[in-house]
């Protein structure tokens, strides 16, 4: 019986190599797929060689299909930006809608894709589809690039025979999700930059400028006790900062590390996400963006034909907030028991009455997916307005904070000069 060498992808998206005995190439592929791996290359011994990516080690010796030599491929370790993935999805949808077969579409996109990670991935998808795997099975081999939402929507599109329509929905979903993410980042970046500048200016003034003025004032007044109280306060603050800058730096690093450790735990993540939703100014934006993401994800999945329970599980994993995720889990459990979606949504105290009312109407009229997408559109606009209002409010607030910090230090340095001038005038 001939010996076949192979390269395959296991369920975790890792590349495995080996060899097995089979009567033909088709039989070898069947054995591999039956063992739970997806072959990307199968070559009969002596009739060709496997194309192994640079830096990989070729498996030696005869092994059975279940004896896996696990090696992570270059394409499985990289990530692709949302915008790049969105463009690929829209292009593939256009090609399929134009009548081009899926395999031919993947081949065309693989040749023209400039992103090296996605190019390798597309070529691997084409190889996987060519060997008999479904498109959704092929996508599942690359979980770092195609998440569960993407894979399950494609699977639903394949089963319903509307793959091109599902891909268009995926592209639209990705585009809107990316826009929403950019809005949130834009709202957060401005105050962070201003606060960093304010802290940097304050540290520079306290560590560099204030000590020099202290020497001048002490020489001219003869004693530090003669300085105004505000000046004494600023000088003491300067000495404490300069003398403890290393411990402060270590403490700051320890705080950041501790925060990440706490955030990595389930309870810590839940507490942090709860605080995010209740934060002044930023909490409203966080809540509205989470509701928009929940509504759009669930609505898109259900519209594409994904079963409601499976859609709720996927939505929970992509919620981006543990508190929202817990509420979705309650909805999942209620629906599993045959209950309505509305009651657990209302009990969570996370979703506003308007959202609950619209979902209720959607359930009663049998138009839940359409209603969820309308909720998403409404809250996208709400996020726009909230971000605009937040930016308009933060700009003057940050300027005032920066002015107060610098102004206090400048005044503390100016008061002793007034006192010195008055002393000189009195002597004259």
Protein backbone atom coordinates (compact mmCIF):
# COMPACT_ATOMS: atom_id res chain seq x y z
CA UNK A 1 0.00 0.00 0.00
CA UNK A 2 1.47 3.41 -0.97
CA UNK A 3 2.77 5.82 1.65
CA UNK A 4 1.43 9.40 1.62
CA UNK A 5 3.07 12.38 3.32
CA UNK A 6 0.74 15.11 4.47
CA UNK A 7 0.40 18.53 6.06
CA UNK A 8 -2.87 19.14 7.90
CA UNK A 9 -4.54 21.55 10.30
CA UNK A 10 -6.01 20.27 13.56
CA UNK A 11 -9.06 21.63 15.42
CA UNK A 12 -6.91 24.21 17.25
CA UNK A 13 -5.63 25.67 14.01
CA UNK A 14 -2.16 24.18 14.47
CA UNK A 15 -0.27 22.59 11.59
CA UNK A 16 0.57 18.89 11.88
CA UNK A 17 2.71 16.75 9.57
CA UNK A 18 3.15 13.02 9.12
CA UNK A 19 2.61 10.09 6.82
CA UNK A 20 0.12 7.26 6.48
CA UNK A 21 -0.65 4.23 4.32
CA UNK A 22 -3.64 4.49 1.96
CA UNK A 23 -4.83 3.03 -1.32
CA UNK A 24 -5.12 6.42 -3.02
CA UNK A 25 -4.86 10.14 -2.39
CA UNK A 26 -8.63 10.40 -1.92
CA UNK A 27 -8.53 7.59 0.65
CA UNK A 28 -5.66 9.32 2.49
CA UNK A 29 -7.66 12.56 2.61
CA UNK A 30 -10.68 10.64 3.90
CA UNK A 31 -8.61 9.02 6.68
CA UNK A 32 -7.22 12.38 7.77
CA UNK A 33 -10.60 14.09 7.84
CA UNK A 34 -12.05 11.14 9.75
CA UNK A 35 -9.29 11.54 12.37
CA UNK A 36 -10.34 15.16 12.96
CA UNK A 37 -7.73 17.07 10.96
CA UNK A 38 -8.02 19.02 7.71
CA UNK A 39 -5.37 18.15 5.09
CA UNK A 40 -3.83 21.03 3.16
CA UNK A 41 -1.28 18.93 1.24
CA UNK A 42 -1.20 15.19 0.55
CA UNK A 43 1.64 13.81 -1.62
CA UNK A 44 2.47 10.19 -2.41
CA UNK A 45 6.00 9.17 -1.38
CA UNK A 46 8.36 9.44 -4.35
CA UNK A 47 5.95 11.48 -6.50
CA UNK A 48 6.58 14.93 -5.12
CA UNK A 49 7.46 16.83 -1.99
CA UNK A 50 5.50 18.89 0.52
CA UNK A 51 5.79 22.68 0.39
CA UNK A 52 6.73 23.57 3.94
CA UNK A 53 6.98 27.22 5.00
CA UNK A 54 10.42 28.63 5.67
CA UNK A 55 11.62 28.01 9.19
CA UNK A 56 9.46 24.90 9.65
CA UNK A 57 10.91 21.46 10.25
CA UNK A 58 9.73 18.62 8.07
CA UNK A 59 8.48 15.61 10.02
CA UNK A 60 10.73 12.56 9.55
CA UNK A 61 9.85 8.89 9.67
CA UNK A 62 6.55 7.07 9.29
CA UNK A 63 3.80 8.14 11.64
CA UNK A 64 0.10 7.45 11.74
CA UNK A 65 -2.52 10.15 11.26
CA UNK A 66 -3.19 10.28 15.00
CA UNK A 67 0.51 10.73 15.80
CA UNK A 68 0.66 14.48 15.29
CA UNK A 69 3.80 16.54 14.97
CA UNK A 70 2.42 19.92 15.97
CA UNK A 71 3.91 22.98 14.44
CA UNK A 72 2.27 26.37 14.36
CA UNK A 73 2.13 27.78 10.84
CA UNK A 74 3.07 31.33 10.05
CA UNK A 75 -0.44 32.08 8.90
CA UNK A 76 -2.03 30.74 12.10
CA UNK A 77 0.08 32.86 14.44
CA UNK A 78 -0.59 36.22 12.79
CA UNK A 79 -3.54 38.55 13.10
CA UNK A 80 -5.32 40.65 10.53
CA UNK A 81 -6.75 44.12 11.12
CA UNK A 82 -10.51 44.46 10.99
CA UNK A 83 -10.39 46.82 8.02
CA UNK A 84 -8.27 44.38 5.96
CA UNK A 85 -10.61 41.49 6.79
CA UNK A 86 -13.63 43.62 5.92
CA UNK A 87 -12.21 44.42 2.46
CA UNK A 88 -11.45 40.73 1.82
CA UNK A 89 -14.99 39.75 2.87
CA UNK A 90 -16.63 42.34 0.62
CA UNK A 91 -14.43 41.40 -2.36
CA UNK A 92 -15.19 37.69 -1.93
CA UNK A 93 -18.92 38.44 -1.68
CA UNK A 94 -18.75 40.47 -4.91
CA UNK A 95 -16.91 37.69 -6.77
CA UNK A 96 -19.35 34.98 -5.63
CA UNK A 97 -22.34 37.20 -6.39
CA UNK A 98 -20.92 37.67 -9.91
CA UNK A 99 -21.12 33.92 -10.48
CA UNK A 100 -17.51 32.97 -9.73
CA UNK A 101 -17.08 29.65 -7.84
CA UNK A 102 -15.81 29.95 -4.25
CA UNK A 103 -12.50 28.21 -4.98
CA UNK A 104 -11.81 30.43 -7.99
CA UNK A 105 -12.70 33.51 -5.94
CA UNK A 106 -10.28 32.54 -3.18
CA UNK A 107 -7.55 31.88 -5.73
CA UNK A 108 -8.04 35.30 -7.35
CA UNK A 109 -8.01 37.11 -3.98
CA UNK A 110 -4.98 35.13 -2.83
CA UNK A 111 -2.97 36.33 -5.81
CA UNK A 112 -3.79 40.02 -5.34
CA UNK A 113 -3.83 40.27 -1.51
CA UNK A 114 -0.99 42.59 -0.32
CA UNK A 115 -1.20 41.60 3.36
CA UNK A 116 1.24 38.66 3.77
CA UNK A 117 -0.61 37.06 6.70
CA UNK A 118 -4.00 37.18 5.00
CA UNK A 119 -2.45 36.10 1.67
CA UNK A 120 -1.08 32.90 3.25
CA UNK A 121 -4.40 32.34 4.98
CA UNK A 122 -6.44 32.76 1.77
CA UNK A 123 -4.16 30.35 -0.08
CA UNK A 124 -4.57 27.85 2.73
CA UNK A 125 -8.35 28.30 2.63
CA UNK A 126 -8.27 27.57 -1.11
CA UNK A 127 -6.20 24.41 -0.53
CA UNK A 128 -8.57 23.27 2.20
CA UNK A 129 -11.68 23.85 0.07
CA UNK A 130 -10.02 22.04 -2.85
CA UNK A 131 -9.41 18.96 -0.69
CA UNK A 132 -13.12 18.73 0.16
CA UNK A 133 -13.61 20.83 3.28
CA UNK A 134 -16.50 23.26 3.49
CA UNK A 135 -15.68 26.96 3.59
CA UNK A 136 -16.82 27.26 7.22
CA UNK A 137 -14.65 24.29 8.23
CA UNK A 138 -11.70 25.91 6.50
CA UNK A 139 -12.31 29.22 8.29
CA UNK A 140 -12.50 27.43 11.64
CA UNK A 141 -8.87 26.36 11.20
CA UNK A 142 -7.83 30.02 11.67
CA UNK A 143 -9.54 31.17 14.91
CA UNK A 144 -7.13 34.09 15.37
CA UNK A 145 -8.36 35.67 12.14
CA UNK A 146 -11.95 34.43 11.77
CA UNK A 147 -13.89 34.48 15.04
CA UNK A 148 -16.89 32.32 15.88
CA UNK A 149 -19.32 34.95 14.63
CA UNK A 150 -17.66 34.91 11.20
CA UNK A 151 -17.48 31.10 11.01
CA UNK A 152 -21.07 30.50 12.13
CA UNK A 153 -22.53 33.10 9.79
CA UNK A 154 -20.67 31.53 6.86
CA UNK A 155 -21.90 28.10 7.96
CA UNK A 156 -25.49 29.39 8.03
CA UNK A 157 -24.99 30.96 4.58
CA UNK A 158 -23.68 27.66 3.20
CA UNK A 159 -26.64 25.72 4.59
CA UNK A 160 -29.12 28.27 3.24
CA UNK A 161 -27.41 28.67 -0.12
CA UNK A 162 -26.96 32.42 0.40
CA UNK A 163 -23.23 32.62 1.06
CA UNK A 164 -22.73 35.83 -0.95
CA UNK A 165 -25.55 37.57 0.99
CA UNK A 166 -24.06 36.49 4.33
CA UNK A 167 -20.62 37.71 3.30
CA UNK A 168 -22.07 41.12 2.39
CA UNK A 169 -23.75 41.27 5.81
CA UNK A 170 -20.47 40.32 7.44
CA UNK A 171 -18.65 43.09 5.59
CA UNK A 172 -21.30 45.63 6.61
CA UNK A 173 -21.20 44.39 10.20
CA UNK A 174 -17.40 44.65 10.30
CA UNK A 175 -17.49 48.14 8.82
CA UNK A 176 -20.00 49.44 11.36
CA UNK A 177 -18.26 47.70 14.26
CA UNK A 178 -14.94 49.25 13.20
CA UNK A 179 -16.50 52.72 12.99
CA UNK A 180 -17.99 52.30 16.45
CA UNK A 181 -14.65 51.19 17.86
CA UNK A 182 -12.87 54.16 16.29
CA UNK A 183 -15.39 56.56 17.83
CA UNK A 184 -14.80 55.14 21.31
CA UNK A 185 -11.02 55.30 20.88
CA UNK A 186 -11.27 58.90 19.66
CA UNK A 187 -13.29 59.81 22.75
CA UNK A 188 -10.72 58.21 25.07
CA UNK A 189 -7.51 59.38 23.38
CA UNK A 190 -7.99 63.13 23.80
CA UNK A 191 -8.30 63.27 27.61
CA UNK A 192 -5.50 60.75 28.02
CA UNK A 193 -3.13 62.83 25.89
CA UNK A 194 -4.01 66.03 27.76
CA UNK A 195 -3.57 64.36 31.16
CA UNK A 196 -0.20 62.91 30.14
CA UNK A 197 0.95 66.37 29.01
CA UNK A 198 -0.32 67.94 32.24
CA UNK A 199 1.50 65.37 34.39
CA UNK A 200 4.71 65.74 32.34
CA UNK A 201 4.64 69.54 32.71
CA UNK A 202 3.95 69.29 36.43
CA UNK A 203 6.82 66.83 36.99
CA UNK A 204 9.21 69.01 34.96
CA UNK A 205 8.30 72.14 36.93
CA UNK A 206 8.51 70.40 40.30
CA UNK A 207 11.70 68.43 39.68
CA UNK A 208 13.71 70.92 37.55
CA UNK A 209 12.40 74.46 38.00
CA UNK A 210 11.19 74.67 41.61
CA UNK A 211 14.49 73.50 43.25
CA UNK A 212 16.42 76.25 41.43
CA UNK A 213 14.01 78.93 42.61
CA UNK A 214 14.18 77.52 46.16
CA UNK A 215 17.93 78.23 46.29
CA UNK A 216 17.39 81.78 45.00
CA UNK A 217 14.59 82.53 47.47
CA UNK A 218 16.53 81.10 50.45
CA UNK A 219 19.60 83.21 49.58
CA UNK A 220 17.57 86.41 49.21
CA UNK A 221 15.22 85.96 52.19
CA UNK A 222 17.81 84.34 54.42
CA UNK A 223 15.46 81.51 55.58
CA UNK A 224 12.88 79.18 54.09
CA UNK A 225 10.53 80.08 56.94
CA UNK A 226 10.02 83.50 55.37
CA UNK A 227 8.40 81.96 52.27
CA UNK A 228 4.61 82.09 51.74
CA UNK A 229 2.65 78.96 52.70
CA UNK A 230 1.75 78.14 49.10
CA UNK A 231 5.44 78.29 48.12
CA UNK A 232 6.40 76.06 51.06
CA UNK A 233 3.76 73.55 49.99
CA UNK A 234 5.05 73.46 46.39
CA UNK A 235 8.69 73.18 47.53
CA UNK A 236 7.86 70.30 49.89
CA UNK A 237 5.94 68.62 47.10
CA UNK A 238 8.97 69.07 44.83
CA UNK A 239 11.34 67.54 47.42
CA UNK A 240 9.05 64.56 48.02
CA UNK A 241 8.65 63.93 44.31
CA UNK A 242 12.39 64.24 43.55
CA UNK A 243 13.37 62.08 46.52
CA UNK A 244 10.82 59.35 45.83
CA UNK A 245 10.65 59.28 42.04
CA UNK A 246 12.02 55.70 41.87
CA UNK A 247 9.57 54.28 44.47
CA UNK A 248 6.74 56.18 42.76
CA UNK A 249 7.75 54.68 39.39
CA UNK A 250 7.93 51.19 40.91
CA UNK A 251 4.56 51.71 42.59
CA UNK A 252 3.02 52.82 39.30
CA UNK A 253 4.37 49.76 37.49
CA UNK A 254 3.15 47.52 40.34
CA UNK A 255 -0.31 49.11 40.09
CA UNK A 256 -0.48 48.49 36.33
CA UNK A 257 0.68 44.88 36.71
CA UNK A 258 -1.76 44.34 39.59
CA UNK A 259 -4.59 45.83 37.54
CA UNK A 260 -3.84 43.44 34.66
CA UNK A 261 -3.67 40.47 37.03
CA UNK A 262 -7.02 41.39 38.58
CA UNK A 263 -8.52 42.04 35.14
CA UNK A 264 -7.42 38.54 34.05
CA UNK A 265 -9.64 36.95 36.72
CA UNK A 266 -13.36 36.48 36.14
CA UNK A 267 -14.41 38.37 39.26
CA UNK A 268 -11.96 41.19 38.64
CA UNK A 269 -13.04 41.57 35.02
CA UNK A 270 -16.69 41.71 36.11
CA UNK A 271 -15.94 44.41 38.70
CA UNK A 272 -13.91 46.50 36.23
CA UNK A 273 -16.54 46.21 33.50
CA UNK A 274 -19.23 47.18 36.02
CA UNK A 275 -17.24 50.29 36.95
CA UNK A 276 -16.82 51.15 33.27
CA UNK A 277 -20.58 51.22 32.80
CA UNK A 278 -21.03 53.50 35.85
CA UNK A 279 -18.15 55.90 35.24
CA UNK A 280 -19.09 59.58 35.02
CA UNK A 281 -18.89 60.95 31.47
CA UNK A 282 -17.39 57.76 29.96
CA UNK A 283 -19.94 55.30 31.39
CA UNK A 284 -22.73 56.46 29.07
CA UNK A 285 -20.55 55.95 25.98
CA UNK A 286 -19.47 52.50 27.18
CA UNK A 287 -23.05 51.40 27.84
CA UNK A 288 -24.43 52.68 24.55
CA UNK A 289 -21.60 51.13 22.52
CA UNK A 290 -22.09 47.77 24.31
CA UNK A 291 -25.83 47.83 23.57
CA UNK A 292 -25.16 48.72 19.91
CA UNK A 293 -22.66 45.85 19.61
CA UNK A 294 -25.05 43.37 21.27
CA UNK A 295 -27.99 44.36 19.08
CA UNK A 296 -26.06 44.37 15.81
CA UNK A 297 -24.28 41.07 16.50
CA UNK A 298 -27.42 39.19 17.56
CA UNK A 299 -29.53 40.74 14.81
CA UNK A 300 -26.97 39.95 12.11
CA UNK A 301 -26.57 36.34 13.27
CA UNK A 302 -30.29 35.60 13.50
CA UNK A 303 -30.98 37.32 10.15
CA UNK A 304 -28.29 35.12 8.57
CA UNK A 305 -30.01 31.95 9.79
CA UNK A 306 -27.94 31.10 12.87
CA UNK A 307 -30.16 29.41 15.54
CA UNK A 308 -31.10 31.78 18.37
CA UNK A 309 -29.37 29.82 21.16
CA UNK A 310 -26.15 29.53 19.18
CA UNK A 311 -26.42 33.22 18.23
CA UNK A 312 -26.77 34.21 21.90
CA UNK A 313 -23.67 32.19 22.80
CA UNK A 314 -21.64 33.90 20.07
CA UNK A 315 -23.01 37.32 21.06
CA UNK A 316 -21.98 36.71 24.65
CA UNK A 317 -18.41 35.92 23.59
CA UNK A 318 -18.17 39.06 21.45
CA UNK A 319 -19.94 41.40 23.90
CA UNK A 320 -16.69 42.99 25.11
CA UNK A 321 -18.11 43.49 28.61
CA UNK A 322 -18.61 40.78 31.25
CA UNK A 323 -21.67 42.48 32.76
CA UNK A 324 -23.37 42.59 29.35
CA UNK A 325 -22.18 39.01 28.75
CA UNK A 326 -23.81 37.83 32.00
CA UNK A 327 -27.08 39.46 30.95
CA UNK A 328 -26.89 37.68 27.57
CA UNK A 329 -26.24 34.38 29.37
CA UNK A 330 -29.42 34.91 31.40
CA UNK A 331 -31.29 35.53 28.15
CA UNK A 332 -29.82 32.31 26.71
CA UNK A 333 -30.92 30.29 29.75
CA UNK A 334 -34.42 31.78 29.61
CA UNK A 335 -34.83 31.07 25.89
CA UNK A 336 -33.54 27.53 26.42
CA UNK A 337 -36.38 26.99 28.91
CA UNK A 338 -38.89 28.35 26.41
CA UNK A 339 -39.28 31.77 28.01
CA UNK A 340 -39.23 35.26 26.50
CA UNK A 341 -36.10 37.32 25.86
CA UNK A 342 -37.63 40.39 27.47
CA UNK A 343 -37.80 39.31 31.12
CA UNK A 344 -34.07 38.52 31.63
CA UNK A 345 -33.13 41.69 29.71
CA UNK A 346 -35.27 43.75 32.08
CA UNK A 347 -34.01 41.91 35.17
CA UNK A 348 -30.36 42.61 34.26
CA UNK A 349 -30.82 46.39 34.87
CA UNK A 350 -28.30 46.95 32.06
CA UNK A 351 -30.55 47.61 29.08
CA UNK A 352 -32.66 50.79 28.88
CA UNK A 353 -36.48 50.57 28.71
CA UNK A 354 -36.49 51.61 25.04
CA UNK A 355 -34.37 48.60 24.05
CA UNK A 356 -36.54 46.23 26.09
CA UNK A 357 -39.72 47.66 24.52
CA UNK A 358 -38.38 47.34 20.97
CA UNK A 359 -37.25 43.75 21.59
CA UNK A 360 -40.68 42.98 23.09
CA UNK A 361 -42.41 44.34 19.99
CA UNK A 362 -40.01 42.39 17.77
CA UNK A 363 -40.83 39.14 19.57
CA UNK A 364 -44.59 39.73 19.38
CA UNK A 365 -44.54 40.58 15.67
CA UNK A 366 -42.00 37.93 14.68
CA UNK A 367 -39.54 40.59 13.51
CA UNK A 368 -36.92 40.30 16.24
CA UNK A 369 -33.85 40.39 13.91
CA UNK A 370 -35.08 43.52 12.12
CA UNK A 371 -35.91 45.20 15.42
CA UNK A 372 -32.46 44.38 16.84
CA UNK A 373 -30.79 45.95 13.81
CA UNK A 374 -32.95 49.05 14.24
CA UNK A 375 -31.87 49.24 17.90
CA UNK A 376 -28.24 48.98 16.75
CA UNK A 377 -28.73 51.85 14.27
CA UNK A 378 -30.37 53.99 16.96
CA UNK A 379 -27.56 53.37 19.42
CA UNK A 380 -24.89 53.97 16.80
CA UNK A 381 -26.37 57.47 16.48
CA UNK A 382 -26.53 57.71 20.28
CA UNK A 383 -22.82 56.87 20.48
CA UNK A 384 -22.10 59.56 17.87
CA UNK A 385 -23.96 62.15 19.93
CA UNK A 386 -22.44 60.97 23.21
CA UNK A 387 -18.89 61.09 21.81
CA UNK A 388 -19.49 64.58 20.39
CA UNK A 389 -20.89 65.82 23.71
CA UNK A 390 -18.07 64.15 25.66
CA UNK A 391 -15.40 65.72 23.46
CA UNK A 392 -17.04 69.14 23.70
CA UNK A 393 -17.15 68.83 27.49
CA UNK A 394 -13.65 67.42 27.96
CA UNK A 395 -11.80 70.00 25.89
CA UNK A 396 -12.47 72.99 28.20
CA UNK A 397 -12.31 70.75 31.28
CA UNK A 398 -8.83 69.48 30.43
CA UNK A 399 -7.64 72.99 29.58
CA UNK A 400 -8.89 74.26 32.95
CA UNK A 401 -7.17 71.40 34.82
CA UNK A 402 -3.90 72.04 32.99
CA UNK A 403 -4.18 75.80 33.63
CA UNK A 404 -4.85 75.27 37.36
CA UNK A 405 -1.88 72.92 37.78
CA UNK A 406 0.56 75.22 36.01
CA UNK A 407 -1.01 78.33 37.53
CA UNK A 408 -0.60 77.12 41.12
CA UNK A 409 3.08 76.34 40.57
CA UNK A 410 3.72 79.67 38.84
CA UNK A 411 1.91 81.57 41.59
CA UNK A 412 3.93 79.72 44.24
CA UNK A 413 7.11 80.93 42.53
CA UNK A 414 5.78 84.44 41.96
CA UNK A 415 4.68 85.23 45.55
CA UNK A 416 8.21 85.17 47.08
CA UNK A 417 9.40 87.52 44.33
CA UNK A 418 6.68 89.99 45.32
CA UNK A 419 7.77 89.71 48.93
CA UNK A 420 11.43 90.28 47.98
CA UNK A 421 10.52 93.33 45.88
CA UNK A 422 8.47 94.76 48.75
CA UNK A 423 11.38 94.23 51.14
CA UNK A 424 13.78 96.04 48.84
CA UNK A 425 11.32 98.94 48.43
CA UNK A 426 10.90 99.27 52.20
CA UNK A 427 14.67 99.46 52.70
CA UNK A 428 14.91 102.24 50.17
